[in-house]
Amino acid sequence: MDPVSGEINPQQIAVLGLGYVGCVTAACLAHVGHRVVGVDRDQFKVDTVRAGRAPFFEPGLEELVQEGVAAGRLTASVSLRDALADADVALICVGTPSEKNGNLGLDQLRRVSQEIAESLPGRNKPLVVAVRSTVYPGTCEDVVLPEMGGSPLVSVVSNPEFLREGAAVRDFMEPSLLVVGGALPAAVRQVAAIYSSLPVEPSIVALRTAEMIKYACNAFHAVKISFANEIGALAGELGIDGAEVMDTLCRDHALNISRAYLKPGFAFGGSCLPKDLRALVYRASRLDLKLPLLESVLPSNHAQLDRAIALALDLPSERIGVFGLAFKENTDDLRESPVVLLLETLIGKGRKVRVHDPHIQLGEIYGSNQRYIMNAIPHIGNLLDGQLDAMLEWADHVLVAQKPSPEIQARLEASGKPLIDLVGALRPRSAPAPIPA
C-alpha cells in the first residue's frame, strides 16, 4: 500500500488453478485492484471466467468475476507460459487430493512447478511463486524449489488459504488470519503487500511454519467439531441440552475460547483433569456410548510424557537435575503430577536424580497430597534439594519440568548447565513478527 495515498500498488498476478480456491482468489485480488490472469487446463473454466461468470456457485463470486472482467483487471487463459510472461507473483492454487493411503497427491503441484520452470528460459523479470495449496510441511522445499533449478529469478513462499465454502468471498475480504512464510524478506514482503488493503495484520513466519499452520488450523477445527459432538451426545443421553452446555462454555474467553492451554509443553496432571476425564469416559461407557476423542485424551497425554522420558534417557549423563515437582507452577499439589512418573522411570533406569521445587516442603504437605507422593516415591525426601543452587551445582543436565519465575529462569540460564525445556517455558516471548524491511 502506498504510504501517502493509502492505495495499493497493483501487481501482475497469475493464479494457477481456477478451482474453488483459485477462482475466489483471482476474483478477489482483481476486486482490490490487481491485474490478474487465472490459468487452468479446463477450457470450460477459462471460457466461463472470460465471459464474466463464475464456473461454480459461491455467494458473491459471480458479481466479482463480472466486475473484474468488465474493468479489464481479470482474465483467464489455458496457457501458463503466457500468464507468467508479465507476472510479478504466481499463486499456486492447484488441488492436493488424498491418495488411498491418506498421503497428499502432489501430481498437480509437481506438474505446475515443472511448467513454471519451463517458462523461465529467456525471462529477465523476477518471479515470486507463492503456494496457496494445502501442502505438508517441507513440500515447498522438497518439491517446488528443486523444480526451479536454482534460478536466481525465482523465490518460493508459502501463503496458505483459509477459505470456507459458502463464505469464501467474505473470508477473503475480511480475513481472520493471513500467513506468509519464506526465507527471503523481499519475497515475503511482496506477497504480503498483495493483501495490504484488507483488514488484517500479516503473520510472517518461516516457510515450513506457514505450511504447518494450515494443518494446525484444520486439525483444530476438526477437533472442536468432534469435541462438541461428543459432549452433545453425552449430554443428550443424560437429558441435558448440549447446545446450552457448549454455548455457556464459549462465554469463557479467559480459559475456554482463548490462548490458554494452546502451547506445546509437558503432559498435564493434577487432581482435576485426569480424574474428570476418566469419570466422563467411564460414565459414557455405562451408557454404551463411545466417545473416541475424549477416550484418546489420556493416552495422548501419556504419549507426551513418554516423549519426555525418552528425551531424558537419551542424555549422556546419569546425574539429572529436575526443576519442578508439582503438576504445574505456583502450587504444591503433587497428585498425578507427570514429573512423579518421570522420576520413577529415571530412577528405575538407573539415573541419579535430584529435584528442586520452590513450593514443595516435604514436612508441610499432608492428606491425599502426602499419601500420593509417599506411595509413588517413598524415598522422595532423599531426592528433594531445598536449594536451587545446590541442585544446579550437582547436576550435569537439568530438566525444566515447570515454568520458572523470571528470577529463577535467570538463575537456571546463568548456571551454564544444559537445560532441557520440557514445558516451553524458556522460549523467548515475542510479538508477531513485522513484515521484513
Protein backbone atom coordinates (compact mmCIF):
# COMPACT_ATOMS: atom_id res chain seq x y z
CA MET A 1 0.00 0.00 0.00
CA ASP A 2 1.23 3.45 -0.85
CA PRO A 3 2.03 5.22 2.45
CA VAL A 4 0.83 8.58 1.10
CA SER A 5 -2.32 7.78 -0.86
CA GLY A 6 -3.34 4.68 1.11
CA GLU A 7 -3.95 2.85 -2.16
CA ILE A 8 -2.43 -0.48 -3.10
CA ASN A 9 0.36 -0.73 -5.61
CA PRO A 10 -1.15 -3.07 -8.22
CA GLN A 11 0.81 -6.18 -9.11
CA GLN A 12 0.52 -8.50 -12.07
CA ILE A 13 -0.60 -11.82 -10.62
CA ALA A 14 -1.01 -15.23 -12.21
CA VAL A 15 -3.36 -17.53 -10.32
CA LEU A 16 -2.55 -21.10 -11.30
CA GLY A 17 -5.69 -23.19 -10.98
CA LEU A 18 -9.26 -21.93 -11.28
CA GLY A 19 -10.84 -24.36 -8.89
CA TYR A 20 -12.54 -23.30 -5.70
CA VAL A 21 -9.57 -21.54 -4.07
CA GLY A 22 -8.06 -20.21 -7.29
CA CYS A 23 -11.16 -18.63 -8.76
CA VAL A 24 -12.11 -16.93 -5.48
CA THR A 25 -8.53 -15.72 -5.05
CA ALA A 26 -8.35 -14.38 -8.61
CA ALA A 27 -11.67 -12.55 -8.45
CA CYS A 28 -10.98 -11.01 -5.04
CA LEU A 29 -7.49 -9.85 -5.99
CA ALA A 30 -8.87 -8.22 -9.12
CA HIS A 31 -11.53 -6.57 -6.96
CA VAL A 32 -8.90 -4.93 -4.74
CA GLY A 33 -7.05 -3.55 -7.76
CA HIS A 34 -4.52 -6.08 -9.02
CA ARG A 35 -4.21 -7.28 -12.62
CA VAL A 36 -4.95 -11.00 -12.53
CA VAL A 37 -4.74 -13.84 -15.05
CA GLY A 38 -6.32 -17.09 -13.98
CA VAL A 39 -4.81 -20.22 -15.52
CA ASP A 40 -6.43 -23.61 -15.91
CA ARG A 41 -6.22 -26.56 -18.28
CA ASP A 42 -10.02 -26.78 -18.29
CA GLN A 43 -11.20 -24.73 -21.27
CA PHE A 44 -14.71 -24.51 -19.79
CA LYS A 45 -13.46 -22.76 -16.64
CA VAL A 46 -11.34 -20.37 -18.69
CA ASP A 47 -14.19 -19.52 -21.09
CA THR A 48 -16.63 -19.07 -18.20
CA VAL A 49 -14.37 -16.58 -16.43
CA ARG A 50 -13.67 -14.71 -19.65
CA ALA A 51 -17.43 -14.38 -20.12
CA GLY A 52 -17.68 -12.74 -16.71
CA ARG A 53 -19.26 -15.70 -14.96
CA ALA A 54 -18.17 -17.98 -12.11
CA PRO A 55 -17.56 -21.63 -13.03
CA PHE A 56 -19.30 -22.76 -9.82
CA PHE A 57 -21.65 -21.28 -7.25
CA GLU A 58 -20.21 -19.35 -4.35
CA PRO A 59 -22.09 -16.42 -2.80
CA GLY A 60 -20.79 -13.12 -4.20
CA LEU A 61 -18.29 -14.70 -6.58
CA GLU A 62 -20.12 -14.20 -9.87
CA GLU A 63 -20.51 -10.48 -9.21
CA LEU A 64 -16.77 -10.13 -8.52
CA VAL A 65 -15.82 -12.09 -11.65
CA GLN A 66 -18.15 -9.96 -13.76
CA GLU A 67 -16.77 -6.77 -12.21
CA GLY A 68 -13.13 -7.81 -12.69
CA VAL A 69 -13.59 -8.81 -16.32
CA ALA A 70 -15.55 -5.66 -17.14
CA ALA A 71 -12.84 -3.50 -15.56
CA GLY A 72 -10.11 -5.27 -17.51
CA ARG A 73 -8.36 -6.45 -14.34
CA LEU A 74 -9.34 -10.12 -14.61
CA THR A 75 -8.91 -12.54 -17.47
CA ALA A 76 -8.17 -16.24 -17.90
CA SER A 77 -6.00 -18.45 -20.07
CA VAL A 78 -5.13 -22.08 -20.70
CA SER A 79 -1.50 -21.04 -21.32
CA LEU A 80 0.62 -20.87 -18.19
CA ARG A 81 3.55 -19.51 -20.18
CA ASP A 82 1.50 -16.57 -21.47
CA ALA A 83 0.12 -15.84 -17.99
CA LEU A 84 3.58 -15.79 -16.45
CA ALA A 85 5.15 -13.56 -19.12
CA ASP A 86 4.45 -10.32 -17.22
CA ALA A 87 3.64 -11.76 -13.79
CA ASP A 88 5.22 -10.45 -10.62
CA VAL A 89 3.69 -13.20 -8.49
CA ALA A 90 2.39 -16.67 -9.32
CA LEU A 91 -0.10 -18.07 -6.80
CA ILE A 92 -0.31 -21.87 -7.00
CA CYS A 93 -3.88 -22.94 -6.21
CA VAL A 94 -4.00 -26.48 -7.59
CA GLY A 95 -5.62 -29.41 -5.84
CA THR A 96 -3.76 -31.73 -3.48
CA PRO A 97 -6.25 -34.60 -3.11
CA SER A 98 -5.85 -37.55 -0.74
CA GLU A 99 -4.30 -40.75 -2.00
CA LYS A 100 -5.59 -44.15 -0.89
CA ASN A 101 -3.07 -44.33 1.95
CA GLY A 102 -4.01 -40.86 3.22
CA ASN A 103 -0.96 -39.12 1.79
CA LEU A 104 -1.34 -35.99 -0.30
CA GLY A 105 -1.42 -36.32 -4.04
CA LEU A 106 1.14 -33.86 -5.35
CA ASP A 107 0.91 -34.67 -9.06
CA GLN A 108 -0.75 -31.36 -9.94
CA LEU A 109 1.71 -29.38 -7.82
CA ARG A 110 4.69 -31.10 -9.47
CA ARG A 111 3.23 -30.55 -12.92
CA VAL A 112 2.58 -26.84 -12.43
CA SER A 113 6.02 -26.39 -10.83
CA GLN A 114 7.61 -28.02 -13.86
CA GLU A 115 5.63 -25.77 -16.19
CA ILE A 116 6.77 -22.69 -14.28
CA ALA A 117 10.38 -23.88 -14.63
CA GLU A 118 9.89 -24.42 -18.37
CA SER A 119 8.75 -20.82 -18.74
CA LEU A 120 11.90 -19.38 -17.13
CA PRO A 121 14.41 -19.53 -20.04
CA GLY A 122 14.68 -16.06 -21.53
CA ARG A 123 12.94 -14.42 -18.59
CA ASN A 124 14.55 -11.31 -17.06
CA LYS A 125 11.84 -10.30 -14.58
CA PRO A 126 11.91 -11.73 -11.01
CA LEU A 127 9.04 -14.03 -10.07
CA VAL A 128 7.69 -14.92 -6.64
CA VAL A 129 5.99 -18.32 -6.55
CA ALA A 130 3.54 -18.49 -3.65
CA VAL A 131 1.94 -21.84 -2.78
CA ARG A 132 -1.63 -21.43 -1.55
CA SER A 133 -2.48 -25.10 -1.94
CA THR A 134 -2.55 -27.09 1.29
CA VAL A 135 0.75 -28.98 1.42
CA TYR A 136 2.58 -30.93 4.09
CA PRO A 137 5.46 -29.07 5.81
CA GLY A 138 8.59 -29.31 3.69
CA THR A 139 6.76 -29.55 0.36
CA CYS A 140 7.85 -26.11 -0.86
CA GLU A 141 11.48 -27.01 -0.12
CA ASP A 142 11.34 -30.61 -1.35
CA VAL A 143 9.05 -30.32 -4.37
CA VAL A 144 8.62 -26.75 -5.60
CA LEU A 145 12.09 -25.27 -5.06
CA PRO A 146 14.00 -28.15 -6.75
CA GLU A 147 11.85 -27.78 -9.84
CA MET A 148 13.01 -24.16 -10.15
CA GLY A 149 16.54 -25.39 -10.73
CA GLY A 150 18.14 -22.78 -8.51
CA SER A 151 17.08 -19.90 -10.75
CA PRO A 152 18.07 -16.58 -9.14
CA LEU A 153 14.92 -15.03 -10.60
CA VAL A 154 12.53 -17.21 -8.58
CA SER A 155 11.64 -17.02 -4.90
CA VAL A 156 9.27 -19.51 -3.26
CA VAL A 157 6.99 -18.68 -0.34
CA SER A 158 4.04 -20.34 1.38
CA ASN A 159 0.79 -18.39 1.53
CA PRO A 160 -1.90 -20.85 2.73
CA GLU A 161 -5.55 -20.03 2.20
CA PHE A 162 -8.23 -20.05 4.91
CA LEU A 163 -11.42 -20.03 2.86
CA ARG A 164 -14.65 -21.83 3.78
CA GLU A 165 -17.02 -22.98 1.10
CA GLY A 166 -20.18 -20.90 1.25
CA ALA A 167 -18.34 -17.97 2.85
CA ALA A 168 -15.14 -17.85 0.77
CA VAL A 169 -15.53 -14.33 -0.64
CA ARG A 170 -16.23 -12.92 2.79
CA ASP A 171 -13.37 -14.93 4.30
CA PHE A 172 -11.01 -13.49 1.68
CA MET A 173 -12.17 -9.89 2.01
CA GLU A 174 -12.44 -9.99 5.82
CA PRO A 175 -9.67 -12.42 6.74
CA SER A 176 -9.19 -13.61 10.30
CA LEU A 177 -5.67 -14.82 9.50
CA LEU A 178 -3.06 -14.03 6.86
CA VAL A 179 0.10 -16.13 6.81
CA VAL A 180 3.15 -15.68 4.60
CA GLY A 181 6.21 -17.84 5.14
CA GLY A 182 9.58 -17.74 3.44
CA ALA A 183 13.31 -17.26 3.81
CA LEU A 184 13.69 -14.18 1.59
CA PRO A 185 12.33 -10.98 3.17
CA ALA A 186 11.75 -9.20 -0.14
CA ALA A 187 9.63 -12.06 -1.48
CA VAL A 188 7.65 -12.37 1.74
CA ARG A 189 7.06 -8.63 1.78
CA GLN A 190 5.91 -8.66 -1.84
CA VAL A 191 3.31 -11.37 -1.24
CA ALA A 192 2.09 -9.77 1.99
CA ALA A 193 1.65 -6.50 0.09
CA ILE A 194 -0.88 -8.17 -2.22
CA TYR A 195 -3.31 -8.13 0.71
CA SER A 196 -2.38 -4.71 2.06
CA SER A 197 -5.86 -3.25 1.53
CA LEU A 198 -7.50 -5.97 3.63
CA PRO A 199 -8.20 -5.51 7.36
CA VAL A 200 -5.62 -7.99 8.68
CA GLU A 201 -2.09 -7.90 10.04
CA PRO A 202 0.08 -10.47 8.23
CA SER A 203 1.76 -13.20 10.26
CA ILE A 204 5.29 -13.51 8.89
CA VAL A 205 6.82 -16.90 9.64
CA ALA A 206 9.31 -19.45 8.31
CA LEU A 207 8.48 -21.45 5.19
CA ARG A 208 7.69 -24.76 6.90
CA THR A 209 5.91 -22.97 9.72
CA ALA A 210 3.43 -21.47 7.26
CA GLU A 211 2.72 -24.90 5.80
CA MET A 212 2.23 -26.35 9.29
CA ILE A 213 -0.10 -23.55 10.42
CA LYS A 214 -2.63 -24.54 7.78
CA TYR A 215 -2.69 -28.11 9.05
CA ALA A 216 -2.84 -26.97 12.68
CA CYS A 217 -5.86 -24.80 11.91
CA ASN A 218 -7.76 -27.51 10.09
CA ALA A 219 -6.94 -30.14 12.71
CA PHE A 220 -8.08 -27.76 15.46
CA HIS A 221 -11.37 -27.12 13.68
CA ALA A 222 -11.92 -30.86 13.32
CA VAL A 223 -11.13 -31.44 16.99
CA LYS A 224 -13.53 -28.68 18.06
CA ILE A 225 -16.37 -30.13 15.97
CA SER A 226 -15.77 -33.65 17.29
CA PHE A 227 -15.47 -32.39 20.87
CA ALA A 228 -18.76 -30.51 20.64
CA ASN A 229 -20.44 -33.55 19.09
CA GLU A 230 -19.21 -35.89 21.83
CA ILE A 231 -20.24 -33.53 24.62
CA GLY A 232 -23.60 -33.12 22.87
CA ALA A 233 -24.03 -36.89 22.55
CA LEU A 234 -23.29 -37.47 26.24
CA ALA A 235 -25.50 -34.56 27.28
CA GLY A 236 -28.34 -35.94 25.17
CA GLU A 237 -28.08 -39.34 26.84
CA LEU A 238 -28.37 -37.58 30.21
CA GLY A 239 -31.34 -35.44 29.21
CA ILE A 240 -29.25 -32.26 29.11
CA ASP A 241 -29.32 -29.58 26.41
CA GLY A 242 -25.87 -29.98 24.82
CA ALA A 243 -26.24 -26.73 22.90
CA GLU A 244 -26.73 -24.84 26.14
CA VAL A 245 -23.68 -26.53 27.65
CA MET A 246 -21.46 -25.56 24.73
CA ASP A 247 -22.93 -22.06 24.42
CA THR A 248 -22.13 -21.42 28.08
CA LEU A 249 -18.65 -22.94 27.70
CA CYS A 250 -17.94 -20.49 24.88
CA ARG A 251 -18.70 -17.50 27.11
CA ASP A 252 -15.42 -18.06 28.93
CA HIS A 253 -12.83 -16.16 26.90
CA ALA A 254 -10.15 -16.37 29.58
CA LEU A 255 -9.67 -20.15 29.58
CA ASN A 256 -12.00 -21.83 27.08
CA ILE A 257 -12.03 -19.73 23.90
CA SER A 258 -8.58 -18.24 24.30
CA ARG A 259 -4.84 -18.84 24.06
CA ALA A 260 -4.93 -20.68 27.39
CA TYR A 261 -3.52 -24.22 27.19
CA LEU A 262 -2.76 -23.91 23.45
CA LYS A 263 1.00 -24.06 23.98
CA PRO A 264 3.20 -27.08 23.29
CA GLY A 265 4.67 -28.29 26.57
CA PHE A 266 4.63 -31.07 29.13
CA ALA A 267 1.89 -33.55 29.99
CA PHE A 268 -0.96 -32.35 32.21
CA GLY A 269 -1.67 -33.67 35.68
CA GLY A 270 -3.28 -32.54 38.92
CA SER A 271 -6.38 -33.50 40.82
CA CYS A 272 -8.95 -32.40 38.21
CA LEU A 273 -8.20 -33.07 34.56
CA PRO A 274 -7.20 -36.77 34.72
CA LYS A 275 -9.92 -37.61 37.26
CA ASP A 276 -12.71 -35.86 35.38
CA LEU A 277 -11.74 -37.32 32.01
CA ARG A 278 -11.79 -40.82 33.49
CA ALA A 279 -15.21 -40.17 35.01
CA LEU A 280 -16.69 -38.90 31.74
CA VAL A 281 -15.36 -41.83 29.75
CA TYR A 282 -16.46 -44.37 32.36
CA ARG A 283 -19.98 -42.95 32.70
CA ALA A 284 -20.33 -42.83 28.91
CA SER A 285 -19.32 -46.49 28.67
CA ARG A 286 -22.06 -47.36 31.19
CA LEU A 287 -24.49 -45.79 28.73
CA ASP A 288 -22.96 -47.84 25.87
CA LEU A 289 -21.78 -44.54 24.37
CA LYS A 290 -18.43 -44.39 22.60
CA LEU A 291 -16.55 -41.08 22.84
CA PRO A 292 -13.39 -41.76 20.79
CA LEU A 293 -11.98 -38.25 21.07
CA LEU A 294 -12.36 -37.97 24.83
CA GLU A 295 -11.20 -41.58 25.27
CA SER A 296 -7.99 -40.72 23.44
CA VAL A 297 -7.03 -37.70 25.57
CA LEU A 298 -5.39 -39.54 28.48
CA PRO A 299 -3.44 -41.90 26.15
CA SER A 300 -2.33 -38.83 24.18
CA ASN A 301 -1.22 -37.18 27.42
CA HIS A 302 0.75 -40.26 28.41
CA ALA A 303 2.42 -40.30 24.99
CA GLN A 304 3.67 -36.76 25.66
CA LEU A 305 5.12 -37.97 28.95
CA ASP A 306 6.77 -40.90 27.17
CA ARG A 307 8.43 -38.47 24.75
CA ALA A 308 9.86 -36.51 27.68
CA ILE A 309 11.11 -39.71 29.32
CA ALA A 310 12.80 -40.81 26.11
CA LEU A 311 14.45 -37.41 25.79
CA ALA A 312 15.76 -37.61 29.36
CA LEU A 313 17.02 -41.19 28.95
CA ASP A 314 18.95 -40.14 25.85
CA LEU A 315 21.00 -37.63 27.84
CA PRO A 316 24.70 -38.60 28.03
CA SER A 317 24.74 -38.33 31.80
CA GLU A 318 23.47 -40.17 34.86
CA ARG A 319 23.20 -37.06 37.08
CA ILE A 320 19.99 -35.33 36.11
CA GLY A 321 18.58 -32.34 37.95
CA VAL A 322 14.86 -31.62 37.70
CA PHE A 323 13.29 -28.23 38.30
CA GLY A 324 9.67 -28.63 39.35
CA LEU A 325 7.84 -31.48 41.05
CA ALA A 326 4.23 -30.28 41.37
CA PHE A 327 1.99 -30.72 38.32
CA LYS A 328 2.35 -27.02 37.47
CA GLU A 329 3.91 -23.83 38.80
CA ASN A 330 2.72 -21.93 41.89
CA THR A 331 1.25 -24.94 43.66
CA ASP A 332 2.42 -27.76 45.94
CA ASP A 333 -0.15 -30.22 44.56
CA LEU A 334 1.68 -33.43 43.63
CA ARG A 335 -1.35 -35.53 42.74
CA GLU A 336 -0.93 -37.14 39.33
CA SER A 337 1.99 -34.88 38.56
CA PRO A 338 3.66 -36.17 35.39
CA VAL A 339 7.00 -35.28 36.96
CA VAL A 340 6.47 -38.01 39.56
CA LEU A 341 6.10 -40.61 36.80
CA LEU A 342 9.13 -39.13 35.05
CA LEU A 343 11.21 -39.51 38.23
CA GLU A 344 10.02 -43.08 38.83
CA THR A 345 11.15 -44.09 35.35
CA LEU A 346 14.51 -42.31 35.50
CA ILE A 347 15.30 -43.86 38.87
CA GLY A 348 14.19 -47.27 37.66
CA LYS A 349 16.54 -46.91 34.69
CA GLY A 350 19.49 -46.22 36.98
CA ARG A 351 19.73 -42.45 36.61
CA LYS A 352 20.77 -40.33 39.58
CA VAL A 353 18.20 -37.61 40.16
CA ARG A 354 17.83 -34.57 42.37
CA VAL A 355 14.81 -32.29 42.36
CA HIS A 356 14.12 -28.70 43.34
CA ASP A 357 10.64 -27.19 43.56
CA PRO A 358 10.37 -23.78 45.25
CA HIS A 359 6.89 -24.58 46.62
CA ILE A 360 7.48 -28.11 47.93
CA GLN A 361 8.43 -28.51 51.57
CA LEU A 362 8.00 -32.19 52.36
CA GLY A 363 7.23 -31.56 56.00
CA GLU A 364 4.36 -29.22 55.15
CA ILE A 365 2.35 -31.34 52.72
CA TYR A 366 -0.37 -33.55 54.15
CA GLY A 367 -3.52 -35.51 53.36
CA SER A 368 -4.06 -37.02 49.92
CA ASN A 369 -1.19 -34.96 48.58
CA GLN A 370 1.23 -36.57 51.03
CA ARG A 371 -0.20 -40.07 50.57
CA TYR A 372 0.17 -39.80 46.81
CA ILE A 373 3.83 -38.83 46.79
CA MET A 374 4.83 -41.27 49.56
CA ASN A 375 3.15 -44.16 47.72
CA ALA A 376 4.70 -43.18 44.39
CA ILE A 377 8.23 -42.36 45.62
CA PRO A 378 8.69 -43.33 49.29
CA HIS A 379 12.26 -42.02 49.27
CA ILE A 380 11.28 -38.61 47.82
CA GLY A 381 12.95 -36.91 50.77
CA ASN A 382 16.34 -38.14 49.54
CA LEU A 383 15.75 -36.59 46.13
CA LEU A 384 14.49 -33.14 47.08
CA ASP A 385 17.01 -30.31 47.19
CA GLY A 386 15.89 -27.30 49.19
CA GLN A 387 18.34 -25.00 47.42
CA LEU A 388 18.26 -24.44 43.67
CA ASP A 389 21.98 -23.64 43.53
CA ALA A 390 22.87 -26.93 45.20
CA MET A 391 20.87 -28.89 42.64
CA LEU A 392 22.41 -26.92 39.77
CA GLU A 393 25.93 -27.47 41.05
CA TRP A 394 25.36 -31.23 41.35
CA ALA A 395 23.58 -31.90 38.05
CA ASP A 396 25.14 -32.47 34.64
CA HIS A 397 21.85 -31.74 32.84
CA VAL A 398 18.70 -30.03 34.12
CA LEU A 399 15.16 -30.88 33.07
CA VAL A 400 12.87 -27.86 33.36
CA ALA A 401 9.52 -29.52 34.12
CA GLN A 402 7.70 -26.47 35.42
CA LYS A 403 7.51 -22.84 34.35
CA PRO A 404 10.03 -20.90 36.46
CA SER A 405 9.66 -17.37 37.72
CA PRO A 406 11.72 -14.75 35.85
CA GLU A 407 14.23 -14.69 38.71
CA ILE A 408 14.65 -18.47 38.75
CA GLN A 409 14.79 -18.62 34.96
CA ALA A 410 17.69 -16.19 35.04
CA ARG A 411 19.48 -18.38 37.60
CA LEU A 412 18.87 -21.50 35.55
CA GLU A 413 20.24 -19.89 32.41
CA ALA A 414 23.20 -18.36 34.26
CA SER A 415 24.21 -21.76 35.65
CA GLY A 416 25.77 -22.77 32.36
CA LYS A 417 24.24 -26.24 32.68
CA PRO A 418 22.46 -27.72 29.64
CA LEU A 419 18.75 -27.04 30.14
CA ILE A 420 16.18 -29.43 28.68
CA ASP A 421 12.96 -27.42 28.43
CA LEU A 422 10.02 -29.82 28.75
CA VAL A 423 7.35 -27.15 29.16
CA GLY A 424 8.26 -24.48 26.60
CA ALA A 425 8.97 -22.04 29.41
CA LEU A 426 12.39 -20.88 28.23
CA ARG A 427 11.38 -19.94 24.72
CA PRO A 428 11.69 -16.20 24.13
CA ARG A 429 8.40 -14.38 24.27
CA SER A 430 7.92 -12.19 21.21
CA ALA A 431 5.20 -10.29 19.41
CA PRO A 432 4.15 -11.34 15.90
CA ALA A 433 7.00 -10.65 13.51
CA PRO A 434 6.69 -7.49 11.43
CA ILE A 435 6.99 -7.59 7.68
CA PRO A 436 10.75 -7.67 6.99
CA ALA A 437 12.11 -4.35 5.80
